[in-house]
Protein backbone atom coordinates (compact mmCIF):
# COMPACT_ATOMS: atom_id res chain seq x y z
CA MET A 1 -0.32 -0.42 0.03
CA ALA A 2 0.99 3.42 -0.51
CA GLU A 3 2.24 6.13 1.93
CA LYS A 4 -0.23 7.97 2.59
CA ILE A 5 0.16 11.78 0.91
CA GLN A 6 -0.25 14.86 3.37
CA LEU A 7 0.49 18.36 3.67
CA SER A 8 3.07 19.43 5.71
CA LYS A 9 2.47 22.46 8.48
CA LYS A 10 5.14 24.24 6.02
CA ASP A 11 2.64 23.40 2.70
CA ARG A 12 -0.02 24.84 4.36
CA LEU A 13 1.21 27.74 5.21
CA ALA A 14 3.11 28.92 2.29
CA VAL A 15 -0.75 28.77 1.08
CA ALA A 16 -1.47 31.12 3.45
CA TRP A 17 1.46 33.15 2.19
CA ARG A 18 0.21 33.33 -1.89
CA SER A 19 -3.26 33.67 -0.16
CA THR A 20 -2.19 37.64 0.74
CA PHE A 21 -2.23 37.82 -2.94
CA ILE A 22 -5.10 36.41 -4.09
CA GLN A 23 -6.38 40.28 -5.69
CA GLY A 24 -2.44 40.09 -7.63
CA SER A 25 -4.43 38.96 -11.10
CA TRP A 26 -8.69 40.21 -10.64
CA ASN A 27 -10.17 39.96 -14.26
CA TYR A 28 -13.52 40.50 -15.19
CA GLU A 29 -13.44 36.42 -16.85
CA ARG A 30 -13.14 34.35 -13.72
CA MET A 31 -11.63 37.14 -11.34
CA GLN A 32 -9.75 35.51 -8.46
CA ASN A 33 -8.93 32.11 -10.19
CA GLY A 34 -5.66 33.20 -11.15
CA GLY A 35 -5.19 34.55 -7.35
CA TRP A 36 -6.21 31.51 -6.11
CA ALA A 37 -4.80 29.11 -8.81
CA PHE A 38 -1.16 30.35 -7.59
CA SER A 39 -1.84 29.80 -3.81
CA MET A 40 -2.88 26.15 -4.42
CA ILE A 41 0.29 25.27 -6.35
CA PRO A 42 2.88 24.30 -3.11
CA ALA A 43 -0.25 21.79 -2.38
CA ILE A 44 0.06 21.10 -6.08
CA LYS A 45 3.51 19.84 -5.97
CA LYS A 46 3.34 18.06 -3.18
CA LEU A 47 -0.09 16.21 -3.70
CA TYR A 48 0.96 15.26 -7.49
CA LYS A 49 4.49 14.31 -8.87
CA THR A 50 3.13 13.62 -12.68
CA LYS A 51 3.68 16.53 -14.73
CA GLU A 52 -0.34 15.92 -15.99
CA ASP A 53 -1.91 15.61 -12.87
CA ARG A 54 -0.23 18.91 -11.41
CA ALA A 55 -1.21 20.67 -14.62
CA ALA A 56 -5.07 18.68 -14.38
CA ALA A 57 -5.55 20.18 -11.21
CA LEU A 58 -4.18 23.19 -11.55
CA LYS A 59 -6.71 23.86 -14.64
CA ARG A 60 -9.70 22.86 -12.23
CA HIS A 61 -8.65 25.73 -10.09
CA LEU A 62 -8.53 28.24 -12.95
CA GLU A 63 -12.50 27.70 -12.65
CA PHE A 64 -13.82 31.37 -11.78
CA PHE A 65 -13.33 31.80 -7.85
CA ASN A 66 -14.98 34.82 -6.62
CA THR A 67 -15.90 36.17 -2.48
CA HIS A 68 -14.14 38.62 0.45
CA PRO A 69 -10.06 38.09 0.15
CA TYR A 70 -9.51 37.00 3.79
CA ILE A 71 -12.93 35.23 3.63
CA ALA A 72 -11.25 33.12 1.30
CA SER A 73 -8.70 31.23 3.18
CA PRO A 74 -11.57 28.58 5.18
CA ILE A 75 -12.81 27.95 1.85
CA LEU A 76 -8.69 26.93 1.14
CA GLY A 77 -8.51 24.53 4.12
CA VAL A 78 -11.39 22.53 3.20
CA THR A 79 -10.00 22.98 -0.46
CA LEU A 80 -6.55 21.56 0.69
CA ALA A 81 -8.96 18.44 2.38
CA LEU A 82 -10.38 17.20 -0.34
CA GLU A 83 -6.96 17.93 -2.86
CA GLU A 84 -5.51 15.56 -0.07
CA GLU A 85 -8.58 13.17 0.06
CA ARG A 86 -8.20 12.75 -4.17
CA ALA A 87 -4.56 12.77 -4.21
CA ASN A 88 -4.56 9.95 -1.51
CA GLY A 89 -7.57 7.85 -3.96
CA ALA A 90 -10.15 8.76 -2.33
CA ALA A 91 -13.50 9.18 -4.54
CA VAL A 92 -12.87 12.79 -4.69
CA ASP A 93 -13.77 14.48 -9.12
CA ASP A 94 -13.71 17.82 -10.33
CA VAL A 95 -17.16 18.48 -9.84
CA ALA A 96 -17.20 18.14 -6.01
CA ILE A 97 -14.04 20.43 -5.41
CA GLN A 98 -16.12 23.08 -7.52
CA GLY A 99 -18.99 22.14 -6.23
CA VAL A 100 -17.47 22.88 -2.77
CA LYS A 101 -15.88 25.91 -3.75
CA VAL A 102 -18.97 27.76 -5.69
CA GLY A 103 -21.04 26.96 -2.30
CA MET A 104 -18.94 28.35 0.17
CA MET A 105 -18.17 31.59 -1.48
CA GLY A 106 -21.40 32.59 -1.83
CA PRO A 107 -22.35 32.49 1.68
CA LEU A 108 -19.01 33.67 3.55
CA ALA A 109 -18.84 36.70 1.06
CA GLY A 110 -20.72 38.79 3.19
CA VAL A 111 -19.42 38.07 5.96
CA GLY A 112 -16.00 39.44 4.95
CA ASP A 113 -17.32 42.96 4.39
CA PRO A 114 -19.20 43.88 7.77
CA VAL A 115 -16.57 42.60 9.74
CA PHE A 116 -12.95 43.70 8.06
CA TRP A 117 -14.18 46.83 6.20
CA PHE A 118 -16.95 48.13 8.94
CA THR A 119 -15.70 47.14 11.90
CA VAL A 120 -12.24 46.15 12.74
CA ARG A 121 -10.25 48.55 9.43
CA PRO A 122 -12.90 51.69 10.95
CA MET A 123 -12.27 51.28 14.61
CA LEU A 124 -7.91 50.33 13.65
CA GLY A 125 -8.01 53.92 11.57
CA ALA A 126 -9.58 55.97 14.19
CA LEU A 127 -7.51 54.84 16.45
CA GLY A 128 -4.22 55.46 14.46
CA ALA A 129 -6.06 58.85 13.21
CA SER A 130 -6.67 59.69 16.94
CA LEU A 131 -2.71 59.44 17.41
CA ALA A 132 -1.44 60.94 13.61
CA LEU A 133 -3.77 64.22 14.27
CA GLY A 134 -1.79 64.26 17.61
CA GLY A 135 0.94 63.96 16.61
CA ASN A 136 2.49 60.90 17.71
CA ILE A 137 4.06 58.78 14.70
CA LEU A 138 2.54 55.86 16.06
CA GLY A 139 -0.38 56.43 14.53
CA PRO A 140 0.41 54.74 11.43
CA ILE A 141 2.48 52.20 12.95
CA ILE A 142 -0.22 50.69 15.06
CA PHE A 143 -2.84 50.50 12.23
CA PHE A 144 -0.04 48.82 10.12
CA LEU A 145 0.79 46.97 12.65
CA ALA A 146 -2.35 45.71 14.40
CA TRP A 147 -4.13 45.27 10.64
CA ASN A 148 -1.79 42.96 8.78
CA ILE A 149 -1.37 41.16 12.77
CA ILE A 150 -5.23 40.81 12.68
CA ARG A 151 -5.97 40.22 9.67
CA TRP A 152 -3.11 37.29 9.14
CA ALA A 153 -4.06 35.97 12.20
CA PHE A 154 -7.29 36.19 10.73
CA MET A 155 -6.45 33.74 7.37
CA TRP A 156 -4.40 31.55 8.61
CA TYR A 157 -6.53 29.77 12.01
CA THR A 158 -10.00 29.60 9.66
CA GLN A 159 -7.56 28.65 6.99
CA GLU A 160 -5.87 25.47 9.84
CA PHE A 161 -9.85 25.05 11.00
CA GLY A 162 -11.40 24.42 7.19
CA TYR A 163 -8.65 21.81 6.57
CA ARG A 164 -9.61 19.95 9.52
CA ALA A 165 -12.92 20.72 9.28
CA GLY A 166 -12.90 19.64 5.88
CA SER A 167 -15.34 19.29 3.46
CA LYS A 168 -17.90 18.37 7.30
CA ILE A 169 -17.52 21.92 6.89
CA THR A 170 -20.11 22.68 4.68
CA ASP A 171 -22.68 21.12 6.91
CA ASP A 172 -22.32 24.37 9.16
CA LEU A 173 -23.83 27.00 6.00
CA SER A 174 -27.65 25.88 6.26
CA GLY A 175 -26.87 26.38 10.28
CA GLY A 176 -28.00 29.61 11.69
CA LEU A 177 -24.96 30.77 12.55
CA LEU A 178 -23.09 32.32 10.19
CA GLN A 179 -26.63 34.73 9.39
CA ASP A 180 -25.73 35.77 13.15
CA VAL A 181 -22.65 36.35 12.70
CA THR A 182 -22.33 38.46 9.71
CA LYS A 183 -25.72 40.69 11.43
CA GLY A 184 -24.47 40.87 14.46
CA ALA A 185 -20.81 42.03 12.69
CA SER A 186 -22.99 44.31 10.19
CA ILE A 187 -24.99 45.83 13.34
CA LEU A 188 -21.53 46.60 15.10
CA GLY A 189 -19.73 47.89 11.69
CA MET A 190 -22.92 50.26 11.53
CA PHE A 191 -22.28 51.96 15.40
CA VAL A 192 -18.61 52.34 14.62
CA LEU A 193 -19.28 54.44 11.24
CA GLY A 194 -22.76 55.98 12.51
CA SER A 195 -20.18 57.28 16.10
CA LEU A 196 -17.34 58.15 12.57
CA VAL A 197 -19.78 60.98 11.66
CA GLN A 198 -19.01 63.21 13.77
CA ARG A 199 -15.23 62.92 13.71
CA TRP A 200 -14.66 62.67 9.66
CA VAL A 201 -17.86 64.70 8.34
CA SER A 202 -17.67 69.06 8.64
CA ILE A 203 -20.06 71.42 7.53
CA SER A 204 -20.10 74.97 7.92
CA PHE A 205 -22.98 77.53 7.22
CA ALA A 206 -21.66 80.10 7.16
CA PRO A 207 -24.63 82.85 7.10
CA VAL A 208 -25.13 85.57 10.00
CA VAL A 209 -28.28 85.17 11.60
CA SER A 210 -27.87 88.20 14.63
CA ARG A 211 -25.53 90.52 15.44
CA VAL A 212 -25.83 91.90 18.91
CA PRO A 213 -23.73 94.77 20.56
CA LEU A 214 -22.30 93.83 23.69
CA ASP A 215 -22.30 95.64 26.80
CA GLU A 216 -18.55 97.75 28.50
CA GLY A 217 -16.63 94.88 29.60
CA ALA A 218 -18.21 92.39 28.11
CA TYR A 219 -15.55 92.59 25.61
CA VAL A 220 -12.19 93.29 25.09
CA ASP A 221 -11.59 96.23 24.49
CA TRP A 222 -8.47 96.93 23.10
CA ALA A 223 -8.13 99.98 22.42
CA LYS A 224 -7.21 100.80 26.48
CA LEU A 225 -4.84 97.88 26.26
CA PRO A 226 -0.95 98.45 26.76
CA SER A 227 1.30 98.34 23.38
CA GLY A 228 3.61 94.73 23.00
CA PRO A 229 3.46 91.43 24.52
CA GLU A 230 1.98 93.47 27.86
CA GLY A 231 -0.97 94.10 26.00
CA LEU A 232 -1.23 90.72 24.60
CA GLN A 233 -0.88 89.11 27.88
CA GLN A 234 -3.38 91.05 29.09
CA ALA A 235 -6.27 89.72 26.34
CA PHE A 236 -4.98 86.88 26.84
CA GLN A 237 -6.35 86.71 30.02
CA GLN A 238 -9.77 88.59 29.69
CA VAL A 239 -10.57 86.41 27.14
CA ALA A 240 -10.06 83.67 29.92
CA GLU A 241 -12.88 85.50 32.07
CA GLY A 242 -15.27 84.65 29.54
CA ARG A 243 -14.94 88.43 27.53
CA ALA A 244 -15.58 88.52 23.59
CA LEU A 245 -13.03 89.35 21.22
CA THR A 246 -15.12 92.15 19.56
CA ASP A 247 -17.75 94.76 21.12
CA THR A 248 -20.67 92.28 19.06
CA LYS A 249 -21.81 88.91 19.30
CA VAL A 250 -22.65 87.33 16.46
CA THR A 251 -24.49 84.12 15.41
CA THR A 252 -24.49 82.27 12.58
CA LEU A 253 -27.00 79.49 11.55
CA GLN A 254 -24.42 77.15 12.15
CA ASN A 255 -24.23 78.16 15.91
CA ASN A 256 -28.20 77.87 16.15
CA LEU A 257 -28.12 74.15 14.79
CA ASP A 258 -24.63 73.13 16.62
CA GLN A 259 -27.27 74.52 19.80
CA LEU A 260 -30.41 72.21 18.42
CA ILE A 261 -28.38 69.13 17.67
CA PRO A 262 -24.60 69.00 17.10
CA GLY A 263 -23.19 67.39 13.87
CA LEU A 264 -27.00 67.34 12.85
CA ALA A 265 -26.04 68.58 9.18
CA ALA A 266 -23.38 65.99 9.09
CA LEU A 267 -25.18 62.95 9.46
CA LEU A 268 -28.01 64.39 7.27
CA LEU A 269 -25.25 64.79 4.79
CA THR A 270 -24.63 61.12 5.36
CA LEU A 271 -27.38 59.66 5.08
CA LEU A 272 -28.32 61.69 1.83
CA CYS A 273 -25.57 59.83 0.52
CA MET A 274 -26.39 56.80 2.39
CA TRP A 275 -30.22 57.40 0.45
CA LEU A 276 -28.42 58.25 -3.35
CA LEU A 277 -25.78 54.83 -2.52
CA LYS A 278 -29.40 52.78 -2.03
CA LYS A 279 -30.75 53.97 -5.58
CA LYS A 280 -27.87 52.82 -6.99
CA VAL A 281 -26.66 56.31 -8.35
CA SER A 282 -23.03 55.92 -8.94
CA PRO A 283 -20.80 57.23 -6.07
CA ILE A 284 -18.54 59.12 -8.30
CA ILE A 285 -22.23 61.24 -9.16
CA ILE A 286 -22.23 62.02 -5.01
CA ILE A 287 -18.26 63.13 -5.19
CA ILE A 288 -18.31 65.36 -8.25
CA GLY A 289 -21.43 66.12 -6.95
CA LEU A 290 -20.81 67.23 -3.05
CA PHE A 291 -17.53 69.17 -4.89
CA LEU A 292 -20.37 71.25 -6.88
CA VAL A 293 -22.10 71.87 -3.71
CA GLY A 294 -19.70 72.66 -1.76
CA ILE A 295 -17.92 75.22 -4.35
CA GLY A 296 -21.32 76.92 -5.37
CA GLY A 297 -22.24 77.53 -1.62
CA HIS A 298 -18.69 78.74 -0.91
CA LEU A 299 -19.61 81.16 -3.72
CA ILE A 300 -22.40 82.21 -2.60
CA GLY A 301 -21.63 82.37 0.75
CA LEU A 302 -23.24 79.63 1.82
CA PHE A 303 -20.43 77.27 3.54
């Protein structure tokens, strides 16, 4: 009896590393098939010894494939297990392997966006950006390291999970766990994005609503201040005590909106963009529209 061929941890690590570049040859005909086949090459070389068998294996993995690039890892693991069974004489044909790939890539694709693009990345990006805005060089470093550690750890351990579970993993996709994870990640992702609206979206309406003259002593009287550094020091002290810089209190439309609900305009603009996206309006059209409205509003004194 021939000795059983088994993929070593080194072989599986090579596949996992190559899967990092699964988007590298993305195309409109078969999408991620080139990156998928590239990822499978170390396993194909280990499992099949003849040129004909390797060519056949490579050919079946050049079929259509497309899912979230990180969620491809558990599918890779299951495929590795199936290829290993086939190489050892099990009755696993091309249709079975491709069927598992296609059957898994659809349900799992919906998990990647809410988990990675809408939850993990915005949270890490907000943390890194906050540090960077404060002049801390650790901001981009922490984002880069944390993102890649989380991404790589997920890809490796889910690939190993898929490899150990083999074809039985497809049974779990019919349950409600996957749907619960997707729903929970979506809710968390929307919560994080909502908290970022006030921070990253800024609108300031410039029209003046009222001008109210202030009583003497309620503002800094620049004419009575001494010249030079001493005058500036007294001005800063008076401002710290609550005095206004001018003798007139100017209230803009933005001041009234901030008293009503801070960040209301930014929230409404975000909701408008989401509604337009839901109506299938091109993001490019929305971006151009925002530019035109912003420039036009500034020219007429609205913003």
